[in-house]
Amino acid sequence: MSLNVLIVDDSSAIRKILQRVLRQVEAPISEIFEAADGVEALAVLESQKVSFVLSDINMPNMDGLQLLSEIKNRVEFRSLPVVMITTEGAQNKVLEAVNLGAAGYVRKPFTPEQIKEKLVGIV
């Protein structure tokens, strides 16, 4: 089974790093889509078949928590696993993400092993 991944982060450098990490972990990934914020991410979700989402929390326009809330409030996306990636030191944002239905979270800077660990729990 091949997976399509959506990476959502306002940093193009982080998106590239995550793409490289996903290729390294040898997961059965067929396509990797990118979005710079939650608004772009929703547009991708509405036009592409996505298996799971890796999303930053702090972004302009629509942040990761707003995106997560939107995903979980839409019937067609409700079961989509979303892993949050954050620099947040404060537990409250992470707890909010978990309460909204995040499948997990990874703190920046992350290692390929941490990303792989989250994927194993999803796929």
PDB file of N, CA and C in Angstrom:
ATOM      1  N   MET A   1       0.849  -1.179   0.000  1.00  0.00           N
ATOM      2  CA  MET A   1       0.000   0.000   0.000  1.00  0.00           C
ATOM      3  C   MET A   1       0.891   1.237   0.000  1.00  0.00           C
ATOM      4  N   SER A   2       0.724   2.087  -0.993  1.00  0.00           N
ATOM      5  CA  SER A   2       1.530   3.300  -1.045  1.00  0.00           C
ATOM      6  C   SER A   2       0.755   4.470  -0.439  1.00  0.00           C
ATOM      7  N   LEU A   3       1.511   5.371   0.149  1.00  0.00           N
ATOM      8  CA  LEU A   3       0.922   6.481   0.885  1.00  0.00           C
ATOM      9  C   LEU A   3       1.234   7.807   0.218  1.00  0.00           C
ATOM     10  N   ASN A   4       0.286   8.724   0.319  1.00  0.00           N
ATOM     11  CA  ASN A   4       0.500  10.104  -0.106  1.00  0.00           C
ATOM     12  C   ASN A   4       0.565  10.961   1.156  1.00  0.00           C
ATOM     13  N   VAL A   5       1.598  11.780   1.245  1.00  0.00           N
ATOM     14  CA  VAL A   5       1.837  12.590   2.435  1.00  0.00           C
ATOM     15  C   VAL A   5       1.676  14.066   2.094  1.00  0.00           C
ATOM     16  N   LEU A   6       1.096  14.811   3.014  1.00  0.00           N
ATOM     17  CA  LEU A   6       1.022  16.264   2.893  1.00  0.00           C
ATOM     18  C   LEU A   6       1.877  16.870   4.003  1.00  0.00           C
ATOM     19  N   ILE A   7       2.877  17.652   3.603  1.00  0.00           N
ATOM     20  CA  ILE A   7       3.733  18.368   4.547  1.00  0.00           C
ATOM     21  C   ILE A   7       3.280  19.822   4.569  1.00  0.00           C
ATOM     22  N   VAL A   8       2.955  20.320   5.772  1.00  0.00           N
ATOM     23  CA  VAL A   8       2.472  21.695   5.909  1.00  0.00           C
ATOM     24  C   VAL A   8       3.408  22.450   6.851  1.00  0.00           C
ATOM     25  N   ASP A   9       4.143  23.408   6.289  1.00  0.00           N
ATOM     26  CA  ASP A   9       5.064  24.216   7.086  1.00  0.00           C
ATOM     27  C   ASP A   9       5.359  25.485   6.304  1.00  0.00           C
ATOM     28  N   ASP A  10       5.407  26.620   6.987  1.00  0.00           N
ATOM     29  CA  ASP A  10       5.684  27.870   6.285  1.00  0.00           C
ATOM     30  C   ASP A  10       7.153  27.997   5.889  1.00  0.00           C
ATOM     31  N   SER A  11       8.002  27.120   6.377  1.00  0.00           N
ATOM     32  CA  SER A  11       9.417  27.126   6.013  1.00  0.00           C
ATOM     33  C   SER A  11       9.671  26.120   4.885  1.00  0.00           C
ATOM     34  N   SER A  12      10.082  26.627   3.729  1.00  0.00           N
ATOM     35  CA  SER A  12      10.368  25.718   2.618  1.00  0.00           C
ATOM     36  C   SER A  12      11.551  24.815   2.969  1.00  0.00           C
ATOM     37  N   ALA A  13      12.477  25.302   3.789  1.00  0.00           N
ATOM     38  CA  ALA A  13      13.620  24.480   4.198  1.00  0.00           C
ATOM     39  C   ALA A  13      13.153  23.276   5.020  1.00  0.00           C
ATOM     40  N   ILE A  14      12.241  23.500   5.949  1.00  0.00           N
ATOM     41  CA  ILE A  14      11.712  22.396   6.760  1.00  0.00           C
ATOM     42  C   ILE A  14      10.950  21.408   5.878  1.00  0.00           C
ATOM     43  N   ARG A  15      10.178  21.928   4.915  1.00  0.00           N
ATOM     44  CA  ARG A  15       9.449  21.024   4.005  1.00  0.00           C
ATOM     45  C   ARG A  15      10.421  20.138   3.239  1.00  0.00           C
ATOM     46  N   LYS A  16      11.523  20.704   2.775  1.00  0.00           N
ATOM     47  CA  LYS A  16      12.536  19.929   2.045  1.00  0.00           C
ATOM     48  C   LYS A  16      13.193  18.897   2.957  1.00  0.00           C
ATOM     49  N   ILE A  17      13.502  19.294   4.181  1.00  0.00           N
ATOM     50  CA  ILE A  17      14.106  18.358   5.146  1.00  0.00           C
ATOM     51  C   ILE A  17      13.148  17.198   5.400  1.00  0.00           C
ATOM     52  N   LEU A  18      11.869  17.510   5.609  1.00  0.00           N
ATOM     53  CA  LEU A  18      10.885  16.450   5.850  1.00  0.00           C
ATOM     54  C   LEU A  18      10.751  15.530   4.644  1.00  0.00           C
ATOM     55  N   GLN A  19      10.786  16.080   3.447  1.00  0.00           N
ATOM     56  CA  GLN A  19      10.747  15.238   2.251  1.00  0.00           C
ATOM     57  C   GLN A  19      11.918  14.271   2.251  1.00  0.00           C
ATOM     58  N   ARG A  20      13.105  14.782   2.531  1.00  0.00           N
ATOM     59  CA  ARG A  20      14.297  13.937   2.555  1.00  0.00           C
ATOM     60  C   ARG A  20      14.181  12.860   3.631  1.00  0.00           C
ATOM     61  N   VAL A  21      13.706  13.241   4.808  1.00  0.00           N
ATOM     62  CA  VAL A  21      13.531  12.288   5.901  1.00  0.00           C
ATOM     63  C   VAL A  21      12.535  11.197   5.503  1.00  0.00           C
ATOM     64  N   LEU A  22      11.428  11.588   4.892  1.00  0.00           N
ATOM     65  CA  LEU A  22      10.425  10.600   4.482  1.00  0.00           C
ATOM     66  C   LEU A  22      10.998   9.616   3.470  1.00  0.00           C
ATOM     67  N   ARG A  23      11.846  10.086   2.590  1.00  0.00           N
ATOM     68  CA  ARG A  23      12.492   9.189   1.615  1.00  0.00           C
ATOM     69  C   ARG A  23      13.477   8.256   2.317  1.00  0.00           C
ATOM     70  N   GLN A  24      14.125   8.733   3.375  1.00  0.00           N
ATOM     71  CA  GLN A  24      15.122   7.931   4.108  1.00  0.00           C
ATOM     72  C   GLN A  24      14.502   6.815   4.939  1.00  0.00           C
ATOM     73  N   VAL A  25      13.302   7.030   5.443  1.00  0.00           N
ATOM     74  CA  VAL A  25      12.723   6.051   6.371  1.00  0.00           C
ATOM     75  C   VAL A  25      12.153   4.821   5.668  1.00  0.00           C
ATOM     76  N   GLU A  26      12.237   4.814   4.357  1.00  0.00           N
ATOM     77  CA  GLU A  26      11.818   3.665   3.570  1.00  0.00           C
ATOM     78  C   GLU A  26      10.358   3.286   3.804  1.00  0.00           C
ATOM     79  N   ALA A  27       9.519   4.258   4.021  1.00  0.00           N
ATOM     80  CA  ALA A  27       8.078   4.019   4.107  1.00  0.00           C
ATOM     81  C   ALA A  27       7.542   3.915   2.678  1.00  0.00           C
ATOM     82  N   PRO A  28       6.432   3.228   2.495  1.00  0.00           N
ATOM     83  CA  PRO A  28       5.877   3.069   1.137  1.00  0.00           C
ATOM     84  C   PRO A  28       5.160   4.337   0.661  1.00  0.00           C
ATOM     85  N   ILE A  29       5.934   5.392   0.425  1.00  0.00           N
ATOM     86  CA  ILE A  29       5.364   6.687   0.057  1.00  0.00           C
ATOM     87  C   ILE A  29       5.431   6.868  -1.456  1.00  0.00           C
ATOM     88  N   SER A  30       4.282   7.216  -2.046  1.00  0.00           N
ATOM     89  CA  SER A  30       4.277   7.433  -3.490  1.00  0.00           C
ATOM     90  C   SER A  30       4.380   8.912  -3.829  1.00  0.00           C
ATOM     91  N   GLU A  31       3.582   9.762  -3.177  1.00  0.00           N
ATOM     92  CA  GLU A  31       3.633  11.193  -3.488  1.00  0.00           C
ATOM     93  C   GLU A  31       3.724  12.005  -2.206  1.00  0.00           C
ATOM     94  N   ILE A  32       4.466  13.118  -2.309  1.00  0.00           N
ATOM     95  CA  ILE A  32       4.576  14.056  -1.198  1.00  0.00           C
ATOM     96  C   ILE A  32       4.095  15.411  -1.696  1.00  0.00           C
ATOM     97  N   PHE A  33       3.044  15.915  -1.059  1.00  0.00           N
ATOM     98  CA  PHE A  33       2.505  17.229  -1.399  1.00  0.00           C
ATOM     99  C   PHE A  33       2.984  18.221  -0.351  1.00  0.00           C
ATOM    100  N   GLU A  34       3.038  19.497  -0.720  1.00  0.00           N
ATOM    101  CA  GLU A  34       3.483  20.543   0.199  1.00  0.00           C
ATOM    102  C   GLU A  34       2.463  21.670   0.268  1.00  0.00           C
ATOM    103  N   ALA A  35       2.423  22.308   1.433  1.00  0.00           N
ATOM    104  CA  ALA A  35       1.618  23.517   1.616  1.00  0.00           C
ATOM    105  C   ALA A  35       2.352  24.403   2.614  1.00  0.00           C
ATOM    106  N   ALA A  36       2.242  25.722   2.416  1.00  0.00           N
ATOM    107  CA  ALA A  36       2.938  26.675   3.283  1.00  0.00           C
ATOM    108  C   ALA A  36       2.105  27.115   4.487  1.00  0.00           C
ATOM    109  N   ASP A  37       0.810  26.795   4.480  1.00  0.00           N
ATOM    110  CA  ASP A  37      -0.062  27.136   5.608  1.00  0.00           C
ATOM    111  C   ASP A  37      -1.323  26.288   5.533  1.00  0.00           C
ATOM    112  N   GLY A  38      -2.199  26.472   6.506  1.00  0.00           N
ATOM    113  CA  GLY A  38      -3.420  25.685   6.561  1.00  0.00           C
ATOM    114  C   GLY A  38      -4.361  25.906   5.395  1.00  0.00           C
ATOM    115  N   VAL A  39      -4.397  27.126   4.888  1.00  0.00           N
ATOM    116  CA  VAL A  39      -5.274  27.439   3.747  1.00  0.00           C
ATOM    117  C   VAL A  39      -4.837  26.626   2.522  1.00  0.00           C
ATOM    118  N   GLU A  40      -3.529  26.644   2.234  1.00  0.00           N
ATOM    119  CA  GLU A  40      -3.013  25.852   1.112  1.00  0.00           C
ATOM    120  C   GLU A  40      -3.223  24.361   1.358  1.00  0.00           C
ATOM    121  N   ALA A  41      -3.052  23.938   2.594  1.00  0.00           N
ATOM    122  CA  ALA A  41      -3.217  22.524   2.934  1.00  0.00           C
ATOM    123  C   ALA A  41      -4.636  22.046   2.640  1.00  0.00           C
ATOM    124  N   LEU A  42      -5.626  22.840   3.011  1.00  0.00           N
ATOM    125  CA  LEU A  42      -7.027  22.451   2.735  1.00  0.00           C
ATOM    126  C   LEU A  42      -7.270  22.341   1.236  1.00  0.00           C
ATOM    127  N   ALA A  43      -6.671  23.237   0.462  1.00  0.00           N
ATOM    128  CA  ALA A  43      -6.812  23.176  -0.995  1.00  0.00           C
ATOM    129  C   ALA A  43      -6.217  21.873  -1.537  1.00  0.00           C
ATOM    130  N   VAL A  44      -5.068  21.469  -0.995  1.00  0.00           N
ATOM    131  CA  VAL A  44      -4.457  20.203  -1.414  1.00  0.00           C
ATOM    132  C   VAL A  44      -5.361  19.041  -1.020  1.00  0.00           C
ATOM    133  N   LEU A  45      -5.865  19.050   0.205  1.00  0.00           N
ATOM    134  CA  LEU A  45      -6.725  17.960   0.681  1.00  0.00           C
ATOM    135  C   LEU A  45      -7.983  17.824  -0.166  1.00  0.00           C
ATOM    136  N   GLU A  46      -8.493  18.941  -0.650  1.00  0.00           N
ATOM    137  CA  GLU A  46      -9.712  18.912  -1.455  1.00  0.00           C
ATOM    138  C   GLU A  46      -9.459  18.422  -2.882  1.00  0.00           C
ATOM    139  N   SER A  47      -8.191  18.455  -3.326  1.00  0.00           N
ATOM    140  CA  SER A  47      -7.906  18.073  -4.708  1.00  0.00           C
ATOM    141  C   SER A  47      -7.070  16.805  -4.855  1.00  0.00           C
ATOM    142  N   GLN A  48      -6.488  16.313  -3.755  1.00  0.00           N
ATOM    143  CA  GLN A  48      -5.607  15.148  -3.818  1.00  0.00           C
ATOM    144  C   GLN A  48      -5.998  14.123  -2.763  1.00  0.00           C
ATOM    145  N   LYS A  49      -5.675  12.873  -3.029  1.00  0.00           N
ATOM    146  CA  LYS A  49      -5.875  11.808  -2.043  1.00  0.00           C
ATOM    147  C   LYS A  49      -4.642  11.790  -1.148  1.00  0.00           C
ATOM    148  N   VAL A  50      -4.837  12.084   0.127  1.00  0.00           N
ATOM    149  CA  VAL A  50      -3.742  12.160   1.092  1.00  0.00           C
ATOM    150  C   VAL A  50      -3.960  11.108   2.174  1.00  0.00           C
ATOM    151  N   SER A  51      -2.872  10.397   2.525  1.00  0.00           N
ATOM    152  CA  SER A  51      -2.951   9.333   3.530  1.00  0.00           C
ATOM    153  C   SER A  51      -2.693   9.842   4.943  1.00  0.00           C
ATOM    154  N   PHE A  52      -1.803  10.814   5.074  1.00  0.00           N
ATOM    155  CA  PHE A  52      -1.569  11.450   6.366  1.00  0.00           C
ATOM    156  C   PHE A  52      -0.904  12.802   6.184  1.00  0.00           C
ATOM    157  N   VAL A  53      -0.946  13.607   7.252  1.00  0.00           N
ATOM    158  CA  VAL A  53      -0.457  14.990   7.220  1.00  0.00           C
ATOM    159  C   VAL A  53       0.592  15.178   8.307  1.00  0.00           C
ATOM    160  N   LEU A  54       1.686  15.847   7.933  1.00  0.00           N
ATOM    161  CA  LEU A  54       2.683  16.335   8.888  1.00  0.00           C
ATOM    162  C   LEU A  54       2.554  17.849   8.875  1.00  0.00           C
ATOM    163  N   SER A  55       2.176  18.446  10.003  1.00  0.00           N
ATOM    164  CA  SER A  55       1.910  19.884  10.004  1.00  0.00           C
ATOM    165  C   SER A  55       2.611  20.611  11.139  1.00  0.00           C
ATOM    166  N   ASP A  56       3.200  21.750  10.788  1.00  0.00           N
ATOM    167  CA  ASP A  56       3.740  22.667  11.776  1.00  0.00           C
ATOM    168  C   ASP A  56       2.559  23.264  12.549  1.00  0.00           C
ATOM    169  N   ILE A  57       2.814  23.772  13.737  1.00  0.00           N
ATOM    170  CA  ILE A  57       1.753  24.452  14.492  1.00  0.00           C
ATOM    171  C   ILE A  57       1.744  25.941  14.165  1.00  0.00           C
ATOM    172  N   ASN A  58       2.906  26.595  14.206  1.00  0.00           N
ATOM    173  CA  ASN A  58       2.972  28.048  14.019  1.00  0.00           C
ATOM    174  C   ASN A  58       3.173  28.407  12.548  1.00  0.00           C
ATOM    175  N   MET A  59       2.115  28.916  11.920  1.00  0.00           N
ATOM    176  CA  MET A  59       2.159  29.341  10.520  1.00  0.00           C
ATOM    177  C   MET A  59       1.236  30.535  10.342  1.00  0.00           C
ATOM    178  N   PRO A  60       1.480  31.350   9.311  1.00  0.00           N
ATOM    179  CA  PRO A  60       0.583  32.479   9.029  1.00  0.00           C
ATOM    180  C   PRO A  60      -0.728  31.998   8.388  1.00  0.00           C
ATOM    181  N   ASN A  61      -1.660  32.886   8.245  1.00  0.00           N
ATOM    182  CA  ASN A  61      -2.959  32.668   7.588  1.00  0.00           C
ATOM    183  C   ASN A  61      -3.853  31.681   8.338  1.00  0.00           C
ATOM    184  N   MET A  62      -3.470  30.427   8.386  1.00  0.00           N
ATOM    185  CA  MET A  62      -4.196  29.429   9.175  1.00  0.00           C
ATOM    186  C   MET A  62      -3.135  28.540   9.814  1.00  0.00           C
ATOM    187  N   ASP A  63      -3.039  28.580  11.147  1.00  0.00           N
ATOM    188  CA  ASP A  63      -1.996  27.799  11.805  1.00  0.00           C
ATOM    189  C   ASP A  63      -2.365  26.316  11.861  1.00  0.00           C
ATOM    190  N   GLY A  64      -1.440  25.517  12.373  1.00  0.00           N
ATOM    191  CA  GLY A  64      -1.636  24.074  12.405  1.00  0.00           C
ATOM    192  C   GLY A  64      -2.795  23.623  13.271  1.00  0.00           C
ATOM    193  N   LEU A  65      -3.046  24.330  14.372  1.00  0.00           N
ATOM    194  CA  LEU A  65      -4.170  23.962  15.232  1.00  0.00           C
ATOM    195  C   LEU A  65      -5.503  24.250  14.547  1.00  0.00           C
ATOM    196  N   GLN A  66      -5.573  25.378  13.841  1.00  0.00           N
ATOM    197  CA  GLN A  66      -6.793  25.695  13.084  1.00  0.00           C
ATOM    198  C   GLN A  66      -6.999  24.672  11.963  1.00  0.00           C
ATOM    199  N   LEU A  67      -5.907  24.300  11.290  1.00  0.00           N
ATOM    200  CA  LEU A  67      -5.985  23.287  10.235  1.00  0.00           C
ATOM    201  C   LEU A  67      -6.461  21.963  10.810  1.00  0.00           C
ATOM    202  N   LEU A  68      -5.865  21.548  11.903  1.00  0.00           N
ATOM    203  CA  LEU A  68      -6.259  20.295  12.550  1.00  0.00           C
ATOM    204  C   LEU A  68      -7.737  20.305  12.923  1.00  0.00           C
ATOM    205  N   SER A  69      -8.192  21.407  13.495  1.00  0.00           N
ATOM    206  CA  SER A  69      -9.600  21.545  13.853  1.00  0.00           C
ATOM    207  C   SER A  69     -10.494  21.431  12.622  1.00  0.00           C
ATOM    208  N   GLU A  70     -10.104  22.092  11.539  1.00  0.00           N
ATOM    209  CA  GLU A  70     -10.870  22.049  10.294  1.00  0.00           C
ATOM    210  C   GLU A  70     -10.928  20.624   9.734  1.00  0.00           C
ATOM    211  N   ILE A  71      -9.793  19.935   9.762  1.00  0.00           N
ATOM    212  CA  ILE A  71      -9.740  18.552   9.272  1.00  0.00           C
ATOM    213  C   ILE A  71     -10.672  17.666  10.089  1.00  0.00           C
ATOM    214  N   LYS A  72     -10.610  17.770  11.388  1.00  0.00           N
ATOM    215  CA  LYS A  72     -11.406  16.898  12.258  1.00  0.00           C
ATOM    216  C   LYS A  72     -12.892  17.254  12.233  1.00  0.00           C
ATOM    217  N   ASN A  73     -13.234  18.484  11.811  1.00  0.00           N
ATOM    218  CA  ASN A  73     -14.636  18.887  11.724  1.00  0.00           C
ATOM    219  C   ASN A  73     -15.285  18.521  10.394  1.00  0.00           C
ATOM    220  N   ARG A  74     -14.492  18.083   9.429  1.00  0.00           N
ATOM    221  CA  ARG A  74     -15.033  17.712   8.121  1.00  0.00           C
ATOM    222  C   ARG A  74     -15.140  16.193   8.025  1.00  0.00           C
ATOM    223  N   VAL A  75     -16.310  15.717   7.722  1.00  0.00           N
ATOM    224  CA  VAL A  75     -16.570  14.278   7.661  1.00  0.00           C
ATOM    225  C   VAL A  75     -15.600  13.575   6.718  1.00  0.00           C
ATOM    226  N   GLU A  76     -15.331  14.191   5.559  1.00  0.00           N
ATOM    227  CA  GLU A  76     -14.489  13.530   4.559  1.00  0.00           C
ATOM    228  C   GLU A  76     -13.020  13.418   4.975  1.00  0.00           C
ATOM    229  N   PHE A  77     -12.586  14.202   5.958  1.00  0.00           N
ATOM    230  CA  PHE A  77     -11.184  14.165   6.401  1.00  0.00           C
ATOM    231  C   PHE A  77     -11.019  13.668   7.840  1.00  0.00           C
ATOM    232  N   ARG A  78     -12.102  13.453   8.525  1.00  0.00           N
ATOM    233  CA  ARG A  78     -12.077  13.190   9.969  1.00  0.00           C
ATOM    234  C   ARG A  78     -11.098  12.083  10.372  1.00  0.00           C
ATOM    235  N   SER A  79     -10.990  11.022   9.570  1.00  0.00           N
ATOM    236  CA  SER A  79     -10.130   9.893   9.935  1.00  0.00           C
ATOM    237  C   SER A  79      -8.676  10.067   9.473  1.00  0.00           C
ATOM    238  N   LEU A  80      -8.374  11.191   8.851  1.00  0.00           N
ATOM    239  CA  LEU A  80      -7.030  11.454   8.350  1.00  0.00           C
ATOM    240  C   LEU A  80      -6.061  11.686   9.521  1.00  0.00           C
ATOM    241  N   PRO A  81      -4.996  10.877   9.635  1.00  0.00           N
ATOM    242  CA  PRO A  81      -4.037  11.089  10.719  1.00  0.00           C
ATOM    243  C   PRO A  81      -3.217  12.360  10.482  1.00  0.00           C
ATOM    244  N   VAL A  82      -3.066  13.154  11.532  1.00  0.00           N
ATOM    245  CA  VAL A  82      -2.288  14.393  11.471  1.00  0.00           C
ATOM    246  C   VAL A  82      -1.256  14.361  12.594  1.00  0.00           C
ATOM    247  N   VAL A  83       0.016  14.452  12.218  1.00  0.00           N
ATOM    248  CA  VAL A  83       1.099  14.535  13.192  1.00  0.00           C
ATOM    249  C   VAL A  83       1.593  15.977  13.190  1.00  0.00           C
ATOM    250  N   MET A  84       1.627  16.575  14.357  1.00  0.00           N
ATOM    251  CA  MET A  84       2.050  17.957  14.494  1.00  0.00           C
ATOM    252  C   MET A  84       3.566  18.013  14.712  1.00  0.00           C
ATOM    253  N   ILE A  85       4.198  18.996  14.067  1.00  0.00           N
ATOM    254  CA  ILE A  85       5.630  19.221  14.224  1.00  0.00           C
ATOM    255  C   ILE A  85       5.775  20.632  14.759  1.00  0.00           C
ATOM    256  N   THR A  86       6.496  20.760  15.878  1.00  0.00           N
ATOM    257  CA  THR A  86       6.480  22.050  16.548  1.00  0.00           C
ATOM    258  C   THR A  86       7.799  22.419  17.204  1.00  0.00           C
ATOM    259  N   THR A  87       8.010  23.706  17.332  1.00  0.00           N
ATOM    260  CA  THR A  87       9.112  24.227  18.131  1.00  0.00           C
ATOM    261  C   THR A  87       8.582  24.640  19.508  1.00  0.00           C
ATOM    262  N   GLU A  88       7.290  24.509  19.681  1.00  0.00           N
ATOM    263  CA  GLU A  88       6.640  24.945  20.925  1.00  0.00           C
ATOM    264  C   GLU A  88       7.251  24.254  22.134  1.00  0.00           C
ATOM    265  N   GLY A  89       7.712  25.059  23.067  1.00  0.00           N
ATOM    266  CA  GLY A  89       8.199  24.500  24.317  1.00  0.00           C
ATOM    267  C   GLY A  89       7.046  24.317  25.295  1.00  0.00           C
ATOM    268  N   ALA A  90       6.009  25.100  25.100  1.00  0.00           N
ATOM    269  CA  ALA A  90       4.865  25.063  26.013  1.00  0.00           C
ATOM    270  C   ALA A  90       3.993  23.842  25.751  1.00  0.00           C
ATOM    271  N   GLN A  91       3.672  23.144  26.817  1.00  0.00           N
ATOM    272  CA  GLN A  91       2.833  21.952  26.709  1.00  0.00           C
ATOM    273  C   GLN A  91       1.414  22.278  26.257  1.00  0.00           C
ATOM    274  N   ASN A  92       0.924  23.490  26.517  1.00  0.00           N
ATOM    275  CA  ASN A  92      -0.483  23.786  26.239  1.00  0.00           C
ATOM    276  C   ASN A  92      -0.825  23.647  24.761  1.00  0.00           C
ATOM    277  N   LYS A  93       0.079  24.051  23.860  1.00  0.00           N
ATOM    278  CA  LYS A  93      -0.187  23.912  22.421  1.00  0.00           C
ATOM    279  C   LYS A  93      -0.217  22.444  22.023  1.00  0.00           C
ATOM    280  N   VAL A  94       0.720  21.677  22.577  1.00  0.00           N
ATOM    281  CA  VAL A  94       0.782  20.247  22.277  1.00  0.00           C
ATOM    282  C   VAL A  94      -0.470  19.559  22.811  1.00  0.00           C
ATOM    283  N   LEU A  95      -0.871  19.891  24.023  1.00  0.00           N
ATOM    284  CA  LEU A  95      -2.088  19.312  24.604  1.00  0.00           C
ATOM    285  C   LEU A  95      -3.316  19.695  23.796  1.00  0.00           C
ATOM    286  N   GLU A  96      -3.357  20.925  23.318  1.00  0.00           N
ATOM    287  CA  GLU A  96      -4.475  21.366  22.488  1.00  0.00           C
ATOM    288  C   GLU A  96      -4.536  20.539  21.212  1.00  0.00           C
ATOM    289  N   ALA A  97      -3.378  20.283  20.609  1.00  0.00           N
ATOM    290  CA  ALA A  97      -3.318  19.471  19.383  1.00  0.00           C
ATOM    291  C   ALA A  97      -3.827  18.058  19.648  1.00  0.00           C
ATOM    292  N   VAL A  98      -3.394  17.473  20.746  1.00  0.00           N
ATOM    293  CA  VAL A  98      -3.834  16.118  21.097  1.00  0.00           C
ATOM    294  C   VAL A  98      -5.342  16.118  21.347  1.00  0.00           C
ATOM    295  N   ASN A  99      -5.833  17.117  22.066  1.00  0.00           N
ATOM    296  CA  ASN A  99      -7.270  17.211  22.339  1.00  0.00           C
ATOM    297  C   ASN A  99      -8.094  17.405  21.062  1.00  0.00           C
ATOM    298  N   LEU A 100      -7.505  18.053  20.059  1.00  0.00           N
ATOM    299  CA  LEU A 100      -8.201  18.262  18.785  1.00  0.00           C
ATOM    300  C   LEU A 100      -8.181  17.012  17.903  1.00  0.00           C
ATOM    301  N   GLY A 101      -7.369  16.031  18.298  1.00  0.00           N
ATOM    302  CA  GLY A 101      -7.353  14.785  17.536  1.00  0.00           C
ATOM    303  C   GLY A 101      -6.069  14.474  16.796  1.00  0.00           C
ATOM    304  N   ALA A 102      -4.976  15.167  17.127  1.00  0.00           N
ATOM    305  CA  ALA A 102      -3.694  14.871  16.479  1.00  0.00           C
ATOM    306  C   ALA A 102      -3.284  13.436  16.776  1.00  0.00           C
ATOM    307  N   ALA A 103      -2.699  12.779  15.766  1.00  0.00           N
ATOM    308  CA  ALA A 103      -2.230  11.403  15.927  1.00  0.00           C
ATOM    309  C   ALA A 103      -0.921  11.352  16.711  1.00  0.00           C
ATOM    310  N   GLY A 104      -0.304  12.514  16.921  1.00  0.00           N
ATOM    311  CA  GLY A 104       0.944  12.590  17.658  1.00  0.00           C
ATOM    312  C   GLY A 104       1.645  13.895  17.344  1.00  0.00           C
ATOM    313  N   TYR A 105       2.850  14.056  17.895  1.00  0.00           N
ATOM    314  CA  TYR A 105       3.614  15.267  17.622  1.00  0.00           C
ATOM    315  C   TYR A 105       5.093  14.959  17.710  1.00  0.00           C
ATOM    316  N   VAL A 106       5.871  15.787  17.045  1.00  0.00           N
ATOM    317  CA  VAL A 106       7.323  15.702  17.063  1.00  0.00           C
ATOM    318  C   VAL A 106       7.844  17.117  17.286  1.00  0.00           C
ATOM    319  N   ARG A 107       8.822  17.242  18.157  1.00  0.00           N
ATOM    320  CA  ARG A 107       9.421  18.558  18.397  1.00  0.00           C
ATOM    321  C   ARG A 107      10.597  18.795  17.452  1.00  0.00           C
ATOM    322  N   LYS A 108      10.714  20.049  16.964  1.00  0.00           N
ATOM    323  CA  LYS A 108      11.882  20.452  16.186  1.00  0.00           C
ATOM    324  C   LYS A 108      12.996  20.800  17.172  1.00  0.00           C
ATOM    325  N   PRO A 109      14.233  20.498  16.883  1.00  0.00           N
ATOM    326  CA  PRO A 109      14.691  19.732  15.727  1.00  0.00           C
ATOM    327  C   PRO A 109      14.377  18.255  15.922  1.00  0.00           C
ATOM    328  N   PHE A 110      14.005  17.588  14.864  1.00  0.00           N
ATOM    329  CA  PHE A 110      13.628  16.175  14.928  1.00  0.00           C
ATOM    330  C   PHE A 110      14.681  15.327  14.230  1.00  0.00           C
ATOM    331  N   THR A 111      14.636  14.040  14.514  1.00  0.00           N
ATOM    332  CA  THR A 111      15.534  13.099  13.846  1.00  0.00           C
ATOM    333  C   THR A 111      14.707  12.239  12.886  1.00  0.00           C
ATOM    334  N   PRO A 112      15.345  11.648  11.891  1.00  0.00           N
ATOM    335  CA  PRO A 112      14.623  10.729  11.011  1.00  0.00           C
ATOM    336  C   PRO A 112      13.939   9.603  11.796  1.00  0.00           C
ATOM    337  N   GLU A 113      14.589   9.146  12.867  1.00  0.00           N
ATOM    338  CA  GLU A 113      14.017   8.063  13.681  1.00  0.00           C
ATOM    339  C   GLU A 113      12.696   8.495  14.324  1.00  0.00           C
ATOM    340  N   GLN A 114      12.625   9.753  14.776  1.00  0.00           N
ATOM    341  CA  GLN A 114      11.382  10.232  15.391  1.00  0.00           C
ATOM    342  C   GLN A 114      10.243  10.275  14.370  1.00  0.00           C
ATOM    343  N   ILE A 115      10.552  10.714  13.158  1.00  0.00           N
ATOM    344  CA  ILE A 115       9.524  10.762  12.115  1.00  0.00           C
ATOM    345  C   ILE A 115       9.095   9.341  11.762  1.00  0.00           C
ATOM    346  N   LYS A 116      10.067   8.449  11.626  1.00  0.00           N
ATOM    347  CA  LYS A 116       9.751   7.057  11.289  1.00  0.00           C
ATOM    348  C   LYS A 116       8.871   6.427  12.375  1.00  0.00           C
ATOM    349  N   GLU A 117       9.190   6.705  13.628  1.00  0.00           N
ATOM    350  CA  GLU A 117       8.414   6.176  14.751  1.00  0.00           C
ATOM    351  C   GLU A 117       6.941   6.607  14.651  1.00  0.00           C
ATOM    352  N   LYS A 118       6.709   7.855  14.305  1.00  0.00           N
ATOM    353  CA  LYS A 118       5.337   8.346  14.173  1.00  0.00           C
ATOM    354  C   LYS A 118       4.634   7.684  12.985  1.00  0.00           C
ATOM    355  N   LEU A 119       5.367   7.464  11.887  1.00  0.00           N
ATOM    356  CA  LEU A 119       4.778   6.841  10.715  1.00  0.00           C
ATOM    357  C   LEU A 119       4.392   5.394  10.989  1.00  0.00           C
ATOM    358  N   VAL A 120       5.238   4.689  11.725  1.00  0.00           N
ATOM    359  CA  VAL A 120       4.960   3.284  12.050  1.00  0.00           C
ATOM    360  C   VAL A 120       3.653   3.167  12.814  1.00  0.00           C
ATOM    361  N   GLY A 121       3.396   4.138  13.679  1.00  0.00           N
ATOM    362  CA  GLY A 121       2.147   4.123  14.439  1.00  0.00           C
ATOM    363  C   GLY A 121       0.918   4.407  13.574  1.00  0.00           C
ATOM    364  N   ILE A 122       1.127   5.014  12.414  1.00  0.00           N
ATOM    365  CA  ILE A 122       0.016   5.406  11.553  1.00  0.00           C
ATOM    366  C   ILE A 122      -0.243   4.382  10.451  1.00  0.00           C
ATOM    367  N   VAL A 123       0.822   3.905   9.829  1.00  0.00           N
ATOM    368  CA  VAL A 123       0.678   3.040   8.637  1.00  0.00           C
ATOM    369  C   VAL A 123       0.699   1.573   8.929  1.00  0.00           C
TER     370      VAL A 123
END
